[in-house]
Amino acid sequence: MSAQFVSMKPASVVAHKFGGSSLADAERIRHVAKLIRARGEATQVVVVSAMQKVTDSLIALADAASSRRDWRNDWSALRDRHLTAADALLGDATAARAWLTTQFHELSERLNAISVLASSTRDISDAISGLGEVWSAYLVHAHLSDTTSDYALLDARNVLIVRHEELGVAVDWKATEGLLSSWLQEHPQQRFIVTGYVARGADGKPTVLGRNGSD
């Protein structure tokens, strides 16, 4: 009896998720970029976490500030880590360095405000803890954009609407679908670098999906 083979069409949309250990530094980010460039999906969605241990560092910074402990040395080390990665990944990191410098300046202002008040709300803590994904996605996209314009950068805080319920985070699919549809109309690319872990509430404030929420 002759063998029969079934022809399978590749999936039209393929999602990839890279965790923090896969994005720990410039060398690992470069490796991830090489892997996804080699893939042939018609539509590719690449969800990225923060660089390894960055989320923990951000939470620790917010905790230190709310306890009025010194946070500036750890903040400086975190900033330098991202600037070093930008320099290693990009031939001309001027734009990336300027963007990251602004990001870290805004973070320092938030931490200073927390320190003055000696307290932090959940909204502020969530906004801070999700910054690592924003920075990581930016670096991955900037590195890819050095060689191709095929990738768009999607900050999930602009389209993913969630609410926090007793059993966890619930997605407002209708609101999210509408925002995502509008975003896609403005971005003709078929490949996307997307922030994991972060979203926004119905009130427009940044929030997070919780540990392993990106998955």
Protein backbone atom coordinates (compact mmCIF):
# COMPACT_ATOMS: atom_id res chain seq x y z
CA MET A 1 0.00 0.00 0.00
CA SER A 2 1.46 3.28 -1.06
CA ALA A 3 1.94 6.04 1.50
CA GLN A 4 -0.25 9.08 1.25
CA PHE A 5 0.94 12.53 2.25
CA VAL A 6 -1.28 15.40 3.23
CA SER A 7 -0.14 18.85 2.16
CA MET A 8 -0.35 21.26 5.08
CA LYS A 9 -0.45 25.01 4.55
CA PRO A 10 1.62 26.97 7.04
CA ALA A 11 -0.33 28.94 9.63
CA SER A 12 -1.06 32.46 8.40
CA VAL A 13 -0.18 34.00 11.77
CA VAL A 14 2.57 32.66 14.00
CA ALA A 15 3.33 34.05 17.44
CA HIS A 16 6.70 33.76 19.17
CA LYS A 17 7.35 34.58 22.83
CA PHE A 18 10.81 35.33 24.20
CA GLY A 19 11.36 35.51 27.94
CA GLY A 20 13.85 37.57 29.88
CA SER A 21 16.70 35.06 29.75
CA SER A 22 16.50 35.11 25.94
CA LEU A 23 16.86 38.91 26.02
CA ALA A 24 19.40 39.23 28.83
CA ASP A 25 21.87 41.40 26.94
CA ALA A 26 22.82 42.63 23.48
CA GLU A 27 24.28 39.28 22.44
CA ARG A 28 21.07 37.44 23.31
CA ILE A 29 18.89 40.09 21.64
CA ARG A 30 21.02 39.82 18.51
CA HIS A 31 20.49 36.04 18.55
CA VAL A 32 16.72 36.44 18.90
CA ALA A 33 16.67 38.87 15.98
CA LYS A 34 18.58 36.38 13.85
CA LEU A 35 16.12 33.62 14.71
CA ILE A 36 12.99 35.56 13.86
CA ARG A 37 14.45 37.05 10.67
CA ALA A 38 15.08 33.49 9.47
CA ARG A 39 11.45 32.50 9.86
CA GLY A 40 9.11 32.59 6.87
CA GLU A 41 5.70 33.21 8.40
CA ALA A 42 3.33 35.38 6.39
CA THR A 43 2.40 37.25 9.56
CA GLN A 44 4.70 37.12 12.54
CA VAL A 45 3.98 38.34 16.06
CA VAL A 46 6.97 38.45 18.42
CA VAL A 47 6.09 39.05 22.07
CA VAL A 48 9.02 40.04 24.26
CA SER A 49 9.58 40.20 27.99
CA ALA A 50 11.85 42.60 29.81
CA MET A 51 15.56 41.87 29.86
CA GLN A 52 16.40 39.26 32.48
CA LYS A 53 15.66 40.36 36.08
CA VAL A 54 14.61 43.87 35.00
CA THR A 55 11.03 43.53 36.24
CA ASP A 56 12.32 42.45 39.65
CA SER A 57 14.69 45.43 39.64
CA LEU A 58 11.87 47.85 38.84
CA ILE A 59 9.67 46.47 41.60
CA ALA A 60 12.62 46.77 44.00
CA LEU A 61 13.17 50.39 42.96
CA ALA A 62 9.53 51.26 43.68
CA ASP A 63 9.71 49.47 47.04
CA ALA A 64 12.91 51.29 47.97
CA ALA A 65 11.43 54.66 47.05
CA SER A 66 8.24 54.05 49.03
CA SER A 67 10.38 53.13 52.05
CA ARG A 68 12.57 56.19 51.50
CA ARG A 69 15.64 54.03 50.99
CA ASP A 70 18.28 55.02 48.47
CA TRP A 71 17.28 53.94 44.96
CA ARG A 72 19.52 56.07 42.79
CA ASN A 73 22.47 53.67 42.51
CA ASP A 74 20.27 50.79 41.37
CA TRP A 75 18.37 53.12 39.02
CA SER A 76 21.67 54.25 37.51
CA ALA A 77 22.86 50.66 37.05
CA LEU A 78 19.62 49.73 35.31
CA ARG A 79 19.84 52.74 33.01
CA ASP A 80 23.48 51.97 32.15
CA ARG A 81 22.61 48.35 31.37
CA HIS A 82 20.07 49.42 28.75
CA LEU A 83 22.31 52.13 27.31
CA THR A 84 25.14 49.58 26.99
CA ALA A 85 22.82 47.21 25.14
CA ALA A 86 21.74 50.01 22.81
CA ASP A 87 25.36 50.89 22.02
CA ALA A 88 26.21 47.25 21.29
CA LEU A 89 23.15 46.60 19.12
CA LEU A 90 23.06 49.77 17.02
CA GLY A 91 25.72 51.22 14.82
CA ASP A 92 24.46 54.70 15.68
CA ALA A 93 22.73 54.60 19.06
CA THR A 94 22.16 58.35 19.31
CA ALA A 95 18.38 58.16 18.89
CA ALA A 96 18.10 55.10 21.13
CA ARG A 97 20.24 56.68 23.83
CA ALA A 98 18.12 59.84 23.75
CA TRP A 99 14.90 57.83 23.98
CA LEU A 100 16.20 55.68 26.84
CA THR A 101 17.59 58.71 28.66
CA THR A 102 14.14 60.31 28.56
CA GLN A 103 12.53 57.08 29.74
CA PHE A 104 14.85 56.81 32.72
CA HIS A 105 14.50 60.49 33.56
CA GLU A 106 10.73 60.04 33.75
CA LEU A 107 11.24 56.95 35.92
CA SER A 108 13.48 58.90 38.29
CA GLU A 109 10.81 61.59 38.63
CA ARG A 110 8.21 58.96 39.53
CA LEU A 111 10.54 57.37 42.07
CA ASN A 112 11.32 60.73 43.59
CA ALA A 113 7.61 61.48 43.95
CA ILE A 114 7.06 58.10 45.61
CA SER A 115 9.91 58.83 48.00
CA VAL A 116 8.49 62.23 48.93
CA LEU A 117 5.09 60.69 49.67
CA ALA A 118 6.62 57.57 51.24
CA SER A 119 3.94 55.51 49.50
CA SER A 120 2.91 54.19 46.11
CA THR A 121 -0.47 53.32 44.63
CA ARG A 122 -1.09 50.15 42.66
CA ASP A 123 -1.48 52.21 39.48
CA ILE A 124 1.98 53.72 39.88
CA SER A 125 3.60 50.43 40.88
CA ASP A 126 2.08 48.66 37.87
CA ALA A 127 3.18 51.43 35.52
CA ILE A 128 6.76 51.16 36.80
CA SER A 129 6.98 47.37 36.84
CA GLY A 130 5.91 47.14 33.18
CA LEU A 131 8.56 49.49 31.80
CA GLY A 132 11.08 46.72 31.17
CA GLU A 133 8.97 45.26 28.38
CA VAL A 134 8.65 48.67 26.76
CA TRP A 135 12.43 49.14 26.78
CA SER A 136 13.14 45.60 25.60
CA ALA A 137 10.67 45.78 22.72
CA TYR A 138 12.15 49.11 21.68
CA LEU A 139 15.68 47.67 21.57
CA VAL A 140 14.64 44.56 19.62
CA HIS A 141 12.72 46.66 17.11
CA ALA A 142 15.51 49.23 16.75
CA HIS A 143 18.03 46.47 16.08
CA LEU A 144 15.82 44.86 13.44
CA SER A 145 15.09 48.23 11.85
CA ASP A 146 18.79 48.64 11.11
CA THR A 147 18.39 46.09 8.32
CA THR A 148 14.69 45.96 7.44
CA SER A 149 11.47 47.94 7.60
CA ASP A 150 9.34 44.80 7.80
CA TYR A 151 8.70 45.11 11.53
CA ALA A 152 6.31 47.42 13.38
CA LEU A 153 6.57 48.09 17.11
CA LEU A 154 3.34 47.58 19.06
CA ASP A 155 3.12 48.84 22.63
CA ALA A 156 0.31 46.68 24.01
CA ARG A 157 -0.66 49.50 26.37
CA ASN A 158 -2.14 51.23 23.30
CA VAL A 159 -4.52 48.42 22.34
CA LEU A 160 -4.92 45.81 25.09
CA ILE A 161 -7.70 46.77 27.52
CA VAL A 162 -8.07 44.70 30.67
CA ARG A 163 -9.77 44.77 34.04
CA HIS A 164 -8.60 43.22 37.29
CA GLU A 165 -11.09 40.75 38.69
CA GLU A 166 -11.11 38.44 41.68
CA LEU A 167 -9.72 35.53 39.68
CA GLY A 168 -7.17 37.57 37.75
CA VAL A 169 -6.97 39.77 34.69
CA ALA A 170 -9.81 39.72 32.16
CA VAL A 171 -9.45 41.13 28.65
CA ASP A 172 -12.08 43.45 27.25
CA TRP A 173 -12.02 41.79 23.86
CA LYS A 174 -14.46 44.15 22.14
CA ALA A 175 -12.55 47.30 23.12
CA THR A 176 -9.23 45.63 22.36
CA GLU A 177 -10.36 44.46 18.94
CA GLY A 178 -11.46 47.95 17.99
CA LEU A 179 -8.20 49.57 19.06
CA LEU A 180 -6.09 46.87 17.44
CA SER A 181 -8.01 47.15 14.18
CA SER A 182 -7.33 50.90 14.06
CA TRP A 183 -3.68 50.36 14.91
CA LEU A 184 -3.24 47.76 12.15
CA GLN A 185 -4.72 50.13 9.57
CA GLU A 186 -1.90 52.57 10.37
CA HIS A 187 0.84 49.93 10.24
CA PRO A 188 1.03 48.00 6.97
CA GLN A 189 3.81 45.66 8.08
CA GLN A 190 3.10 41.96 8.52
CA ARG A 191 5.61 41.41 11.31
CA PHE A 192 5.29 42.90 14.76
CA ILE A 193 7.40 43.28 17.89
CA VAL A 194 4.96 43.43 20.82
CA THR A 195 5.43 44.25 24.48
CA GLY A 196 4.45 41.44 26.82
CA TYR A 197 3.10 41.84 30.37
CA VAL A 198 1.67 45.34 29.92
CA ALA A 199 -1.81 46.60 29.10
CA ARG A 200 -4.10 49.41 30.18
CA GLY A 201 -7.34 49.65 32.10
CA ALA A 202 -10.63 51.09 30.90
CA ASP A 203 -9.59 54.32 32.63
CA GLY A 204 -6.59 54.57 30.31
CA LYS A 205 -4.01 53.99 33.02
CA PRO A 206 -1.12 51.56 32.34
CA THR A 207 -1.39 48.22 34.12
CA VAL A 208 0.15 44.75 33.96
CA LEU A 209 -1.09 41.24 33.33
CA GLY A 210 0.66 39.68 36.32
CA ARG A 211 3.46 37.13 36.41
CA ASN A 212 3.46 34.93 33.30
CA GLY A 213 0.73 37.15 31.92
CA SER A 214 2.60 37.53 28.64
CA ASP A 215 2.16 33.81 28.01
